[in-house]
């Protein structure tokens, strides 16, 4: 059997999750697709896939092999496309994950413009505030906010913007409950928590991070835009990024609180992709487009403007 075809069949089986889907991609029968994978397993002397009546999933060895194989095949396909041409045109499916608030306000418009400029690229957008695993989950690019930095050495990150994490509340909430003047005052306020992230994780100053003040509230949310809605409605105080609430601060719908005592904490926003010597044309062009798109743009209030907004409402 042609081992190169077997490699391509295996890649499609992992990405699609079935022999039938892979067979359709390769224009062959499902039985032949299965034979190609078995040929590859015999050749390597290792089981690559776990097969059940309902699903097909890679083994641990299969997942590691797929990650390396997908890069090699991607580079091989670009080399084939490049023969007789000076450049490789961006084309194919591009899977992008973006944090929700920044993605809805800024990324989606940029994606629409990128797609118009590169009609042969099919962009699949996913919005999520959790950190997706690019390789394991099959994404090409992610737009991430990283207050504590990016830990994986297998990823490349290019910063496109800087926001700040701000403690805030609506004017209506503050009229009813009063504004906290010190860290200790937070104990008497309804603190809305972003699920799985502590108050100390969000704070900038050492005093706030080490504070023993117990902040509690009756709402926990795993989506930043949903948290913003709750705070705008006067449900309590919350720590939110200015990428989500910049316009609300600028227009007085939300008031920054305890700026000197807590922060605001810097929130770098990056476009992230897997580290490779040779990037596919679609990933390279998209990353460059995003970096150029946001270079030098003022997207939300600066740190000084946040402080001025807080001062106006003291």
Protein backbone atom coordinates (compact mmCIF):
# COMPACT_ATOMS: atom_id res chain seq x y z
CA UNK A 1 0.00 0.00 0.00
CA UNK A 2 1.04 3.58 -0.57
CA UNK A 3 2.30 4.71 2.86
CA UNK A 4 1.86 8.39 2.01
CA UNK A 5 -1.83 7.80 1.31
CA UNK A 6 -2.07 5.82 4.55
CA UNK A 7 -0.61 8.80 6.43
CA UNK A 8 -3.18 11.15 4.89
CA UNK A 9 -6.04 8.76 5.65
CA UNK A 10 -4.94 8.50 9.29
CA UNK A 11 -4.79 12.30 9.61
CA UNK A 12 -8.34 12.64 8.25
CA UNK A 13 -9.65 9.89 10.56
CA UNK A 14 -8.28 11.72 13.61
CA UNK A 15 -9.57 15.13 12.49
CA UNK A 16 -13.02 13.92 11.43
CA UNK A 17 -13.43 11.14 13.98
CA UNK A 18 -14.62 8.45 11.59
CA UNK A 19 -13.45 6.18 8.78
CA UNK A 20 -16.48 7.10 6.70
CA UNK A 21 -15.66 10.82 6.77
CA UNK A 22 -12.00 10.15 6.03
CA UNK A 23 -12.94 7.87 3.15
CA UNK A 24 -15.11 10.59 1.62
CA UNK A 25 -12.23 13.03 1.88
CA UNK A 26 -9.88 10.58 0.14
CA UNK A 27 -12.46 9.34 -2.40
CA UNK A 28 -12.28 5.71 -1.31
CA UNK A 29 -14.42 3.21 0.59
CA UNK A 30 -14.56 3.10 4.40
CA UNK A 31 -13.16 -0.44 4.25
CA UNK A 32 -10.15 0.76 2.25
CA UNK A 33 -9.60 3.64 4.69
CA UNK A 34 -9.56 1.11 7.54
CA UNK A 35 -7.02 -1.03 5.65
CA UNK A 36 -4.76 1.98 5.18
CA UNK A 37 -4.74 2.69 8.92
CA UNK A 38 -4.07 -0.98 9.74
CA UNK A 39 -1.21 -0.90 7.22
CA UNK A 40 0.22 2.11 9.06
CA UNK A 41 -0.17 0.41 12.46
CA UNK A 42 1.63 -2.69 11.21
CA UNK A 43 4.37 -0.52 9.69
CA UNK A 44 4.90 1.35 12.99
CA UNK A 45 4.28 -1.61 15.26
CA UNK A 46 1.88 0.40 17.42
CA UNK A 47 -1.85 0.82 17.82
CA UNK A 48 -2.83 4.32 16.67
CA UNK A 49 -6.63 4.26 17.04
CA UNK A 50 -9.15 2.98 19.55
CA UNK A 51 -12.19 1.76 17.62
CA UNK A 52 -15.70 1.29 19.02
CA UNK A 53 -19.07 0.96 17.32
CA UNK A 54 -19.77 4.63 18.06
CA UNK A 55 -16.50 6.49 17.63
CA UNK A 56 -12.88 6.37 16.63
CA UNK A 57 -10.28 8.14 18.79
CA UNK A 58 -6.49 8.19 18.77
CA UNK A 59 -4.51 6.32 21.39
CA UNK A 60 -1.85 8.23 23.32
CA UNK A 61 0.74 7.09 20.77
CA UNK A 62 -1.68 7.95 17.97
CA UNK A 63 -2.23 11.48 19.28
CA UNK A 64 1.52 12.15 19.51
CA UNK A 65 2.05 10.70 16.04
CA UNK A 66 -0.81 12.81 14.64
CA UNK A 67 0.61 16.04 16.07
CA UNK A 68 3.96 15.47 14.40
CA UNK A 69 2.46 14.02 11.24
CA UNK A 70 0.05 16.93 10.68
CA UNK A 71 2.95 19.39 10.66
CA UNK A 72 4.97 17.27 8.24
CA UNK A 73 2.03 16.74 5.88
CA UNK A 74 1.15 20.44 6.05
CA UNK A 75 4.66 21.38 5.01
CA UNK A 76 4.67 18.70 2.29
CA UNK A 77 1.37 19.98 0.87
CA UNK A 78 2.70 23.53 0.81
CA UNK A 79 5.86 22.32 -0.93
CA UNK A 80 3.71 20.59 -3.55
CA UNK A 81 1.62 23.72 -4.02
CA UNK A 82 4.72 25.90 -4.28
CA UNK A 83 6.22 24.02 -7.24
CA UNK A 84 6.27 26.41 -10.18
CA UNK A 85 4.91 29.31 -8.11
CA UNK A 86 6.72 32.12 -6.33
CA UNK A 87 4.33 32.13 -3.36
CA UNK A 88 1.78 29.89 -1.67
CA UNK A 89 -1.74 31.28 -1.61
CA UNK A 90 -3.68 31.07 1.69
CA UNK A 91 -6.39 28.45 1.29
CA UNK A 92 -8.35 25.76 3.13
CA UNK A 93 -10.01 25.62 6.54
CA UNK A 94 -8.68 27.94 9.25
CA UNK A 95 -9.98 27.20 12.77
CA UNK A 96 -9.76 30.18 15.14
CA UNK A 97 -10.72 30.40 18.82
CA UNK A 98 -11.18 33.78 20.47
CA UNK A 99 -12.05 35.00 23.95
CA UNK A 100 -15.63 36.16 23.86
CA UNK A 101 -15.82 39.87 24.71
CA UNK A 102 -12.80 40.95 22.67
CA UNK A 103 -13.81 38.55 19.92
CA UNK A 104 -17.35 39.86 19.58
CA UNK A 105 -16.35 43.53 19.70
CA UNK A 106 -13.17 43.48 17.64
CA UNK A 107 -12.06 40.12 16.22
CA UNK A 108 -15.17 39.21 14.24
CA UNK A 109 -15.02 42.41 12.18
CA UNK A 110 -11.37 41.74 11.44
CA UNK A 111 -12.19 38.16 10.44
CA UNK A 112 -14.85 39.37 8.02
CA UNK A 113 -12.30 41.67 6.37
CA UNK A 114 -9.67 38.91 6.28
CA UNK A 115 -12.13 36.48 4.66
CA UNK A 116 -13.03 39.08 2.04
CA UNK A 117 -9.35 39.52 1.21
CA UNK A 118 -8.70 35.74 1.14
CA UNK A 119 -11.80 34.07 -0.35
CA UNK A 120 -10.11 30.68 -0.63
CA UNK A 121 -9.76 30.45 3.16
CA UNK A 122 -12.76 29.12 5.11
CA UNK A 123 -12.56 30.63 8.61
CA UNK A 124 -14.29 28.70 11.40
CA UNK A 125 -14.70 30.95 14.48
CA UNK A 126 -15.31 29.70 18.02
CA UNK A 127 -15.83 32.01 21.00
CA UNK A 128 -14.80 30.72 24.43
CA UNK A 129 -13.31 32.26 27.56
CA UNK A 130 -11.51 29.05 28.51
CA UNK A 131 -8.02 28.33 27.21
CA UNK A 132 -8.36 25.90 24.30
CA UNK A 133 -5.61 23.38 23.52
CA UNK A 134 -4.64 24.33 19.99
CA UNK A 135 -3.16 21.03 18.85
CA UNK A 136 -5.37 18.64 20.84
CA UNK A 137 -8.57 20.45 19.84
CA UNK A 138 -7.56 21.07 16.25
CA UNK A 139 -7.31 24.88 16.24
CA UNK A 140 -4.87 26.78 14.05
CA UNK A 141 -4.94 30.10 15.92
CA UNK A 142 -6.27 31.42 19.23
CA UNK A 143 -6.85 34.95 20.50
CA UNK A 144 -6.04 34.85 24.21
CA UNK A 145 -5.81 37.17 27.18
CA UNK A 146 -2.93 36.17 29.43
CA UNK A 147 -2.60 38.08 32.71
CA UNK A 148 -0.04 35.56 33.98
CA UNK A 149 1.78 34.93 30.71
CA UNK A 150 1.76 32.06 28.24
CA UNK A 151 3.21 28.88 29.68
CA UNK A 152 3.60 26.48 26.76
CA UNK A 153 6.95 26.62 24.98
CA UNK A 154 5.35 24.90 21.97
CA UNK A 155 3.29 28.01 21.20
CA UNK A 156 4.23 31.32 19.63
CA UNK A 157 2.40 34.43 20.85
CA UNK A 158 2.31 37.89 19.26
CA UNK A 159 0.76 40.62 21.34
CA UNK A 160 -1.91 42.67 19.58
CA UNK A 161 -3.41 44.72 22.43
CA UNK A 162 -3.23 45.48 26.15
CA UNK A 163 -6.32 45.79 28.33
CA UNK A 164 -6.63 46.11 32.12
CA UNK A 165 -8.62 44.20 34.74
CA UNK A 166 -10.81 46.65 36.68
CA UNK A 167 -13.05 46.31 39.73
CA UNK A 168 -16.28 48.03 38.76
CA UNK A 169 -19.98 48.45 39.49
CA UNK A 170 -22.94 50.29 38.00
CA UNK A 171 -23.99 53.74 39.28
CA UNK A 172 -27.33 52.23 40.34
CA UNK A 173 -25.63 49.60 42.50
CA UNK A 174 -23.39 52.22 44.11
CA UNK A 175 -26.31 54.53 44.88
CA UNK A 176 -28.06 51.70 46.69
CA UNK A 177 -25.09 50.08 48.44
CA UNK A 178 -22.44 52.80 48.56
CA UNK A 179 -18.98 52.65 47.03
CA UNK A 180 -16.24 50.64 48.78
CA UNK A 181 -13.53 52.98 50.08
CA UNK A 182 -11.06 50.30 51.24
CA UNK A 183 -10.31 46.65 50.55
CA UNK A 184 -12.00 45.77 53.84
CA UNK A 185 -15.25 47.33 52.58
CA UNK A 186 -15.52 44.64 49.91
CA UNK A 187 -16.60 42.15 52.59
CA UNK A 188 -19.98 43.90 52.70
CA UNK A 189 -20.52 43.94 48.92
CA UNK A 190 -21.90 41.32 46.53
CA UNK A 191 -18.80 40.20 44.61
CA UNK A 192 -19.62 38.51 41.30
CA UNK A 193 -17.00 35.87 40.56
CA UNK A 194 -15.66 34.69 37.24
CA UNK A 195 -15.86 30.91 37.62
CA UNK A 196 -12.62 29.28 38.72
CA UNK A 197 -10.66 32.55 39.12
CA UNK A 198 -10.01 33.97 42.58
CA UNK A 199 -10.00 37.63 43.57
CA UNK A 200 -6.25 37.40 44.25
CA UNK A 201 -5.65 36.08 40.73
CA UNK A 202 -7.31 39.17 39.26
CA UNK A 203 -5.69 41.82 41.49
CA UNK A 204 -2.61 43.84 40.60
CA UNK A 205 -1.26 45.13 43.92
CA UNK A 206 0.47 42.93 46.47
CA UNK A 207 -1.80 44.32 49.19
CA UNK A 208 -4.88 43.11 47.33
CA UNK A 209 -3.38 39.73 46.43
CA UNK A 210 -2.40 39.03 50.03
CA UNK A 211 -5.53 40.52 51.60
CA UNK A 212 -7.52 38.29 53.95
CA UNK A 213 -10.75 40.07 53.15
CA UNK A 214 -13.36 37.46 52.27
CA UNK A 215 -15.13 38.53 49.10
CA UNK A 216 -18.36 36.64 48.51
CA UNK A 217 -21.35 36.91 46.21
CA UNK A 218 -24.36 35.03 44.96
CA UNK A 219 -23.45 34.87 41.24
CA UNK A 220 -20.65 32.95 39.53
CA UNK A 221 -20.33 33.12 35.73
CA UNK A 222 -18.06 31.40 33.20
CA UNK A 223 -18.62 33.94 30.42
CA UNK A 224 -17.26 37.49 30.56
CA UNK A 225 -20.00 39.08 28.47
CA UNK A 226 -22.59 37.46 30.74
CA UNK A 227 -20.75 38.88 33.77
CA UNK A 228 -20.82 42.32 32.17
CA UNK A 229 -24.60 42.10 31.74
CA UNK A 230 -25.06 41.22 35.42
CA UNK A 231 -22.86 44.11 36.60
CA UNK A 232 -24.61 46.59 34.29
CA UNK A 233 -27.91 45.48 35.81
CA UNK A 234 -26.67 46.33 39.30
CA UNK A 235 -26.18 42.78 40.59
CA UNK A 236 -22.90 43.58 42.34
CA UNK A 237 -19.23 44.45 41.90
CA UNK A 238 -16.91 42.45 39.65
CA UNK A 239 -13.42 42.32 38.17
CA UNK A 240 -13.69 42.68 34.38
CA UNK A 241 -11.27 43.41 31.57
CA UNK A 242 -11.43 46.73 29.78
CA UNK A 243 -11.70 44.78 26.50
CA UNK A 244 -15.21 43.93 27.72
CA UNK A 245 -16.19 47.15 29.53
CA UNK A 246 -14.08 49.90 27.95
CA UNK A 247 -17.07 51.64 26.35
CA UNK A 248 -19.11 51.23 29.55
CA UNK A 249 -16.41 53.03 31.56
CA UNK A 250 -15.98 55.75 28.96
CA UNK A 251 -19.73 56.42 28.84
CA UNK A 252 -20.34 56.19 32.59
CA UNK A 253 -22.38 52.98 32.65
CA UNK A 254 -19.76 51.34 34.88
CA UNK A 255 -17.56 52.98 37.52
CA UNK A 256 -13.99 51.81 38.29
CA UNK A 257 -13.48 51.13 42.01
CA UNK A 258 -10.46 50.95 44.35
CA UNK A 259 -8.08 51.62 41.47
CA UNK A 260 -5.08 52.40 43.71
CA UNK A 261 -5.78 49.58 46.16
CA UNK A 262 -6.37 46.77 43.64
CA UNK A 263 -4.97 47.60 40.21
CA UNK A 264 -5.89 47.81 37.40
CA UNK A 265 -3.95 44.73 36.37
CA UNK A 266 -2.43 44.62 32.91
CA UNK A 267 -4.11 42.14 30.57
CA UNK A 268 -2.04 41.44 27.43
CA UNK A 269 -4.00 40.04 24.48
CA UNK A 270 -2.15 37.77 22.05
CA UNK A 271 -2.69 35.94 18.82
CA UNK A 272 -1.29 32.45 19.48
CA UNK A 273 -0.31 29.62 17.15
CA UNK A 274 1.69 26.39 17.27
CA UNK A 275 5.44 26.73 16.96
CA UNK A 276 6.65 25.53 13.58
CA UNK A 277 9.63 26.24 11.41
CA UNK A 278 7.35 26.64 8.42
CA UNK A 279 3.87 28.11 8.90
CA UNK A 280 1.06 27.39 6.50
CA UNK A 281 0.18 30.36 4.33
CA UNK A 282 -3.30 30.62 5.88
CA UNK A 283 -1.95 30.83 9.46
CA UNK A 284 0.88 33.19 8.56
CA UNK A 285 -1.39 35.53 6.62
CA UNK A 286 -4.06 35.55 9.35
CA UNK A 287 -1.57 36.25 12.16
CA UNK A 288 0.07 39.06 10.17
CA UNK A 289 -3.36 40.49 9.34
CA UNK A 290 -4.39 40.56 13.02
CA UNK A 291 -1.14 42.14 14.16
CA UNK A 292 -1.41 44.85 11.49
CA UNK A 293 -5.12 45.35 12.19
CA UNK A 294 -4.67 46.25 15.85
CA UNK A 295 -1.27 47.96 15.69
CA UNK A 296 -1.51 51.38 17.28
CA UNK A 297 -5.30 51.34 17.66
CA UNK A 298 -6.92 52.81 20.76
CA UNK A 299 -9.57 50.24 21.59
CA UNK A 300 -10.62 51.27 25.12
CA UNK A 301 -9.80 53.73 27.91
CA UNK A 302 -6.13 53.97 28.82
CA UNK A 303 -4.91 53.35 32.36
CA UNK A 304 -4.90 57.10 32.99
CA UNK A 305 -8.46 57.39 31.69
CA UNK A 306 -9.58 54.58 33.97
CA UNK A 307 -8.07 56.40 36.93
CA UNK A 308 -9.74 59.66 35.88
CA UNK A 309 -13.12 57.90 35.61
CA UNK A 310 -12.68 56.51 39.11
CA UNK A 311 -11.69 59.92 40.46
CA UNK A 312 -14.77 61.61 39.00
CA UNK A 313 -17.02 59.35 41.06
CA UNK A 314 -15.22 59.43 44.39
